Amino acid sequence: MPSQESSRTRTERRPRAESSGGGRIPAELVIITGMSGSGKASVLKAFEDLGYYCVDNLPVGLIPQFADLVGQSSEIKNTALVVDVREGEQLQNLPRIVRSVKRILPTKMVFLEAEDTVLLRRFSETRRPHPLGVNAPVRASLAAERRHLRSIRAMADLVIDTSKFNVHELRAYITERFQKRESDKSILVSCVSFGFKQGLPEDADLVFDVRFLPNPYFVPEFRPLTGRNPKVAKYIRSFPQTREFIRRISQLLVYLLPHYIREGKSYLTISFGCTGGQHRSVMMAEEVGKLLRTAGYRVKVVHRDSPG
């Protein structure tokens, strides 16, 4: 049995990236492999949430063709795939294939493992058979699997011992390692206005009730207009509680968004509600959306119950 590396230890090798010559940045391929029960499915899901194009159990022989397609694609920026002992005898070709693929595009291999006692417990909890066979004891299958994967583990760019991780911690760890610096604010924020008369938005993550603000509906000239009208917006903003609310809510959201990103959230829906969804909520969604854009976030503003 190979010696266990310390938890969360990595040895990274720089992949050979083709010069873009001022063109687009070369795509990245991440190959996820390792012990059965070590969390490969959870890691693949984490990569998917990071915007990677993900494939589970791709046949080893197809990896070079897949890498060619990714390298030529103008749409796929990064991709991740899982290869493991389900591949059978063809898995022994993985080291050679990975070496050849690294000449095509930047490639990293992530190897997941865990202590036998942890893997045995996970198999017991899920009641799923080990891929190497249903007739052999799980402990014996794990030992055989470690032998099969020894050469693959040795060439991994990153080895992760998941023994001490739960699903959420493992996902957060992958997000921290692989989230691109330029994507630190890539979360998509939707600022939605709505009227409580029509009910709460079903997809709202955060809901703020702005019915405490003075209502332009009771000003005859403002009644047929919406919160997008400059005069209506100016009227709502003229009250000190409006300005204070905007200041406080913007500070709160700028504080919260990096934490949502670290948890792997790729989009967030913030809803502002007033009575009819025409004036106060519309103005607030527009105002907060503008401030979040200024802070560097991608924002779309949606007015569910307001015409136009």
Protein backbone atom coordinates (compact mmCIF):
# COMPACT_ATOMS: atom_id res chain seq x y z
CA MET A 1 0.00 0.00 0.00
CA PRO A 2 1.41 3.41 -0.92
CA SER A 3 2.29 5.76 1.88
CA GLN A 4 -0.44 8.22 2.79
CA GLU A 5 0.26 11.88 2.15
CA SER A 6 -0.83 14.39 4.71
CA SER A 7 -4.38 15.70 4.35
CA ARG A 8 -4.83 18.43 1.73
CA THR A 9 -1.22 18.16 0.52
CA ARG A 10 -0.51 18.75 -3.13
CA THR A 11 2.42 18.62 -5.50
CA GLU A 12 1.55 20.58 -8.62
CA ARG A 13 3.36 20.45 -11.92
CA ARG A 14 2.96 23.29 -14.38
CA PRO A 15 0.97 22.08 -17.40
CA ARG A 16 2.32 22.93 -20.80
CA ALA A 17 0.06 25.65 -22.17
CA GLU A 18 0.15 26.49 -25.84
CA SER A 19 0.95 30.10 -26.55
CA SER A 20 -2.21 31.95 -27.38
CA GLY A 21 -0.36 34.57 -29.39
CA GLY A 22 -2.64 37.23 -28.03
CA GLY A 23 -5.70 34.97 -28.61
CA ARG A 24 -7.98 33.34 -26.14
CA ILE A 25 -6.62 31.72 -22.97
CA PRO A 26 -6.16 27.94 -23.49
CA ALA A 27 -8.82 25.77 -21.90
CA GLU A 28 -7.97 23.66 -18.85
CA LEU A 29 -8.68 19.95 -18.50
CA VAL A 30 -8.96 18.43 -15.03
CA ILE A 31 -8.93 14.64 -14.76
CA ILE A 32 -10.45 13.39 -11.51
CA THR A 33 -9.58 9.90 -10.38
CA GLY A 34 -8.92 7.96 -7.20
CA MET A 35 -10.41 5.48 -4.78
CA SER A 36 -14.03 4.40 -4.95
CA GLY A 37 -15.99 6.13 -2.21
CA SER A 38 -13.49 9.00 -1.93
CA GLY A 39 -15.91 11.65 -3.20
CA LYS A 40 -15.31 11.87 -6.95
CA ALA A 41 -18.98 12.57 -7.69
CA SER A 42 -19.05 15.45 -5.20
CA VAL A 43 -15.86 16.91 -6.65
CA LEU A 44 -17.24 16.67 -10.19
CA LYS A 45 -20.36 18.52 -9.03
CA ALA A 46 -18.17 21.23 -7.51
CA PHE A 47 -16.38 21.69 -10.83
CA GLU A 48 -19.72 21.86 -12.60
CA ASP A 49 -20.78 24.66 -10.26
CA LEU A 50 -17.54 26.47 -11.13
CA GLY A 51 -18.60 26.49 -14.77
CA TYR A 52 -16.57 23.51 -15.99
CA TYR A 53 -18.01 21.24 -18.68
CA CYS A 54 -18.14 17.90 -16.83
CA VAL A 55 -18.14 14.28 -17.99
CA ASP A 56 -18.39 11.21 -15.74
CA ASN A 57 -16.73 7.91 -16.66
CA LEU A 58 -15.41 8.91 -20.07
CA PRO A 59 -13.63 5.92 -21.70
CA VAL A 60 -9.87 6.37 -21.41
CA GLY A 61 -9.35 5.83 -25.13
CA LEU A 62 -11.55 8.82 -25.95
CA ILE A 63 -9.66 11.33 -23.77
CA PRO A 64 -7.24 12.47 -26.56
CA GLN A 65 -10.13 13.14 -28.98
CA PHE A 66 -12.03 14.88 -26.20
CA ALA A 67 -8.99 17.06 -25.44
CA ASP A 68 -8.70 17.97 -29.13
CA LEU A 69 -12.33 19.06 -29.23
CA VAL A 70 -11.94 21.14 -26.07
CA GLY A 71 -8.77 22.79 -27.38
CA GLN A 72 -10.51 23.78 -30.61
CA SER A 73 -13.79 24.88 -29.04
CA SER A 74 -14.56 28.58 -28.71
CA GLU A 75 -17.35 27.86 -26.21
CA ILE A 76 -15.85 25.44 -23.68
CA LYS A 77 -13.33 27.23 -21.47
CA ASN A 78 -12.64 24.52 -18.89
CA THR A 79 -13.64 20.91 -18.48
CA ALA A 80 -13.40 18.15 -15.89
CA LEU A 81 -13.88 14.43 -16.23
CA VAL A 82 -13.87 11.40 -13.96
CA VAL A 83 -11.91 8.26 -14.80
CA ASP A 84 -11.67 5.38 -12.33
CA VAL A 85 -11.65 1.59 -11.92
CA ARG A 86 -15.00 1.29 -13.66
CA GLU A 87 -12.89 1.58 -16.83
CA GLY A 88 -11.44 -1.89 -16.22
CA GLU A 89 -8.18 -2.96 -17.84
CA GLN A 90 -8.03 0.15 -20.02
CA LEU A 91 -7.26 2.21 -16.91
CA GLN A 92 -3.62 1.10 -17.12
CA ASN A 93 -3.30 3.28 -20.24
CA LEU A 94 -4.26 6.45 -18.34
CA PRO A 95 -0.70 7.60 -17.42
CA ARG A 96 0.44 7.38 -21.04
CA ILE A 97 -2.67 9.12 -22.31
CA VAL A 98 -2.41 11.92 -19.76
CA ARG A 99 1.19 12.59 -20.79
CA SER A 100 0.11 12.91 -24.43
CA VAL A 101 -2.91 15.08 -23.58
CA LYS A 102 -0.71 17.53 -21.66
CA ARG A 103 0.90 18.36 -25.00
CA ILE A 104 -2.52 19.37 -26.34
CA LEU A 105 -3.83 21.62 -23.56
CA PRO A 106 -3.12 22.43 -19.89
CA THR A 107 -4.09 19.37 -17.87
CA LYS A 108 -4.17 18.57 -14.17
CA MET A 109 -4.84 15.24 -12.55
CA VAL A 110 -6.62 15.25 -9.18
CA PHE A 111 -6.39 12.03 -7.17
CA LEU A 112 -8.85 11.43 -4.32
CA GLU A 113 -8.25 8.94 -1.55
CA ALA A 114 -9.33 8.24 2.03
CA GLU A 115 -8.44 5.92 4.87
CA ASP A 116 -9.78 2.37 4.57
CA THR A 117 -11.89 2.73 7.71
CA VAL A 118 -13.60 5.80 6.20
CA LEU A 119 -14.15 4.12 2.83
CA LEU A 120 -15.59 1.02 4.50
CA ARG A 121 -18.01 3.17 6.47
CA ARG A 122 -19.11 5.02 3.34
CA PHE A 123 -19.76 1.78 1.47
CA SER A 124 -21.70 0.50 4.44
CA GLU A 125 -23.83 3.65 4.58
CA THR A 126 -24.64 3.67 0.86
CA ARG A 127 -24.95 -0.16 0.60
CA ARG A 128 -23.45 -0.02 -2.87
CA PRO A 129 -21.08 -2.74 -4.11
CA HIS A 130 -17.47 -1.97 -4.91
CA PRO A 131 -16.87 -1.60 -8.68
CA LEU A 132 -14.28 -4.37 -8.69
CA GLY A 133 -16.88 -6.98 -7.84
CA VAL A 134 -19.82 -7.91 -5.67
CA ASN A 135 -18.46 -11.29 -4.62
CA ALA A 136 -15.30 -10.10 -2.87
CA PRO A 137 -15.34 -8.33 0.52
CA VAL A 138 -15.13 -4.55 0.22
CA ARG A 139 -11.88 -4.46 2.20
CA ALA A 140 -10.22 -6.84 -0.27
CA SER A 141 -11.56 -4.83 -3.23
CA LEU A 142 -10.14 -1.62 -1.76
CA ALA A 143 -6.73 -3.21 -1.38
CA ALA A 144 -6.82 -4.39 -5.00
CA GLU A 145 -7.95 -0.95 -6.15
CA ARG A 146 -5.02 0.73 -4.38
CA ARG A 147 -2.64 -1.55 -6.23
CA HIS A 148 -4.27 -0.74 -9.57
CA LEU A 149 -4.09 2.99 -8.92
CA ARG A 150 -0.54 3.16 -7.52
CA SER A 151 1.12 4.41 -10.73
CA ILE A 152 -1.73 6.85 -11.41
CA ARG A 153 -1.54 8.31 -7.92
CA ALA A 154 2.21 8.82 -8.35
CA MET A 155 1.72 11.14 -11.32
CA ALA A 156 -1.16 13.16 -9.86
CA ASP A 157 -0.75 16.93 -9.70
CA LEU A 158 -2.96 17.14 -6.62
CA VAL A 159 -3.67 14.41 -4.05
CA ILE A 160 -6.57 15.02 -1.67
CA ASP A 161 -7.24 12.84 1.36
CA THR A 162 -10.99 13.24 1.93
CA SER A 163 -11.08 11.31 5.22
CA LYS A 164 -11.74 14.41 7.29
CA PHE A 165 -14.04 16.17 4.80
CA ASN A 166 -17.80 16.14 4.73
CA VAL A 167 -19.50 16.84 1.39
CA HIS A 168 -19.77 20.59 1.97
CA GLU A 169 -16.16 20.95 3.13
CA LEU A 170 -14.88 19.00 0.12
CA ARG A 171 -16.87 21.19 -2.24
CA ALA A 172 -15.56 24.35 -0.55
CA TYR A 173 -11.99 23.05 -0.79
CA ILE A 174 -12.29 22.40 -4.52
CA THR A 175 -13.89 25.80 -5.05
CA GLU A 176 -11.05 27.53 -3.20
CA ARG A 177 -8.39 25.64 -5.18
CA PHE A 178 -9.82 25.96 -8.67
CA GLN A 179 -11.89 29.12 -8.75
CA LYS A 180 -10.11 31.46 -11.15
CA ARG A 181 -8.87 34.76 -9.80
CA GLU A 182 -10.72 36.60 -12.53
CA SER A 183 -13.92 34.83 -11.47
CA ASP A 184 -13.87 35.98 -7.85
CA LYS A 185 -16.99 38.03 -8.59
CA SER A 186 -18.48 35.80 -11.27
CA ILE A 187 -21.62 35.03 -9.25
CA LEU A 188 -24.72 36.20 -11.11
CA VAL A 189 -26.93 38.37 -8.92
CA SER A 190 -30.59 38.85 -9.83
CA CYS A 191 -32.33 41.85 -8.23
CA VAL A 192 -36.05 41.16 -8.48
CA SER A 193 -38.91 43.49 -7.61
CA PHE A 194 -42.34 42.05 -6.76
CA GLY A 195 -45.64 42.84 -5.11
CA PHE A 196 -46.74 40.97 -2.01
CA LYS A 197 -50.28 40.95 -3.45
CA GLN A 198 -49.07 38.47 -6.06
CA GLY A 199 -47.10 36.34 -3.61
CA LEU A 200 -43.42 35.74 -2.94
CA PRO A 201 -41.06 34.84 -5.81
CA GLU A 202 -40.46 31.08 -5.70
CA ASP A 203 -36.76 31.31 -6.51
CA ALA A 204 -35.85 34.07 -4.03
CA ASP A 205 -32.75 33.46 -1.89
CA LEU A 206 -33.07 36.73 0.05
CA VAL A 207 -36.28 38.74 0.49
CA PHE A 208 -36.45 42.33 1.72
CA ASP A 209 -39.75 43.99 2.56
CA VAL A 210 -39.68 47.68 1.60
CA ARG A 211 -43.29 48.46 2.51
CA PHE A 212 -41.99 50.58 5.40
CA LEU A 213 -41.01 53.27 2.87
CA PRO A 214 -43.51 56.05 1.96
CA ASN A 215 -45.74 54.86 -0.90
CA PRO A 216 -45.76 56.92 -4.15
CA TYR A 217 -49.07 55.26 -5.02
CA PHE A 218 -50.82 57.85 -2.86
CA VAL A 219 -49.34 60.72 -4.88
CA PRO A 220 -51.79 61.11 -7.80
CA GLU A 221 -49.19 62.08 -10.40
CA PHE A 222 -47.01 59.08 -9.50
CA ARG A 223 -49.78 56.45 -9.37
CA PRO A 224 -49.67 55.45 -13.09
CA LEU A 225 -45.86 55.46 -13.15
CA THR A 226 -43.29 52.96 -11.84
CA GLY A 227 -40.19 53.15 -9.71
CA ARG A 228 -38.09 53.37 -12.88
CA ASN A 229 -39.40 56.85 -13.53
CA PRO A 230 -36.77 59.41 -12.39
CA LYS A 231 -39.38 61.56 -10.59
CA VAL A 232 -40.75 58.58 -8.67
CA ALA A 233 -37.25 57.37 -7.80
CA LYS A 234 -36.29 60.85 -6.63
CA TYR A 235 -39.41 61.04 -4.46
CA ILE A 236 -38.67 57.68 -2.78
CA ARG A 237 -35.02 58.57 -2.32
CA SER A 238 -35.91 61.90 -0.70
CA PHE A 239 -36.77 60.20 2.58
CA PRO A 240 -33.89 59.60 5.02
CA GLN A 241 -35.02 56.05 5.80
CA THR A 242 -34.70 55.20 2.09
CA ARG A 243 -31.14 56.46 1.88
CA GLU A 244 -30.23 54.70 5.13
CA PHE A 245 -31.76 51.43 3.95
CA ILE A 246 -29.89 51.55 0.63
CA ARG A 247 -26.63 52.22 2.44
CA ARG A 248 -27.10 49.42 4.95
CA ILE A 249 -28.43 46.83 2.52
CA SER A 250 -25.62 47.49 0.05
CA GLN A 251 -23.00 47.09 2.75
CA LEU A 252 -24.65 43.84 3.86
CA LEU A 253 -24.74 42.39 0.35
CA VAL A 254 -21.16 43.35 -0.48
CA TYR A 255 -20.18 41.57 2.74
CA LEU A 256 -22.30 38.47 2.06
CA LEU A 257 -21.55 37.82 -1.61
CA PRO A 258 -17.92 36.65 -1.19
CA HIS A 259 -19.12 34.16 1.43
CA TYR A 260 -21.78 32.79 -0.94
CA ILE A 261 -19.11 32.47 -3.63
CA ARG A 262 -16.80 30.53 -1.30
CA GLU A 263 -19.67 28.13 -0.60
CA GLY A 264 -19.85 27.45 -4.33
CA LYS A 265 -22.98 29.45 -5.13
CA SER A 266 -22.98 30.56 -8.76
CA TYR A 267 -26.10 32.72 -8.68
CA LEU A 268 -28.14 34.58 -6.07
CA THR A 269 -31.65 36.02 -6.31
CA ILE A 270 -32.35 39.06 -4.12
CA SER A 271 -36.00 40.09 -4.04
CA PHE A 272 -37.48 43.41 -2.94
CA GLY A 273 -41.20 43.51 -2.23
CA CYS A 274 -43.73 46.27 -1.78
CA THR A 275 -47.52 46.15 -1.86
CA GLY A 276 -48.17 46.14 -5.59
CA GLY A 277 -44.68 45.72 -7.03
CA GLN A 278 -44.84 48.97 -8.99
CA HIS A 279 -42.97 51.72 -7.17
CA ARG A 280 -40.83 51.14 -4.08
CA SER A 281 -39.65 47.62 -4.89
CA VAL A 282 -38.86 48.58 -8.49
CA MET A 283 -36.82 51.59 -7.44
CA MET A 284 -34.96 49.53 -4.83
CA ALA A 285 -34.09 46.69 -7.22
CA GLU A 286 -32.74 49.21 -9.72
CA GLU A 287 -30.74 51.10 -7.09
CA VAL A 288 -29.19 48.06 -5.41
CA GLY A 289 -28.45 46.47 -8.78
CA LYS A 290 -26.59 49.61 -9.83
CA LEU A 291 -24.53 49.63 -6.63
CA LEU A 292 -23.60 45.94 -6.97
CA ARG A 293 -22.49 46.50 -10.56
CA THR A 294 -20.28 49.31 -9.31
CA ALA A 295 -18.82 46.82 -6.81
CA GLY A 296 -17.84 44.58 -9.74
CA TYR A 297 -20.60 41.94 -9.74
CA ARG A 298 -22.64 40.68 -12.68
CA VAL A 299 -26.19 41.82 -12.10
CA LYS A 300 -29.51 41.53 -13.87
CA VAL A 301 -32.61 43.42 -12.72
CA VAL A 302 -36.05 41.86 -13.16
CA HIS A 303 -39.41 43.49 -12.38
CA ARG A 304 -41.87 40.65 -11.95
CA ASP A 305 -45.06 42.63 -11.42
CA SER A 306 -44.27 45.95 -13.07
CA PRO A 307 -45.11 46.63 -16.73
CA GLY A 308 -42.24 47.62 -19.00
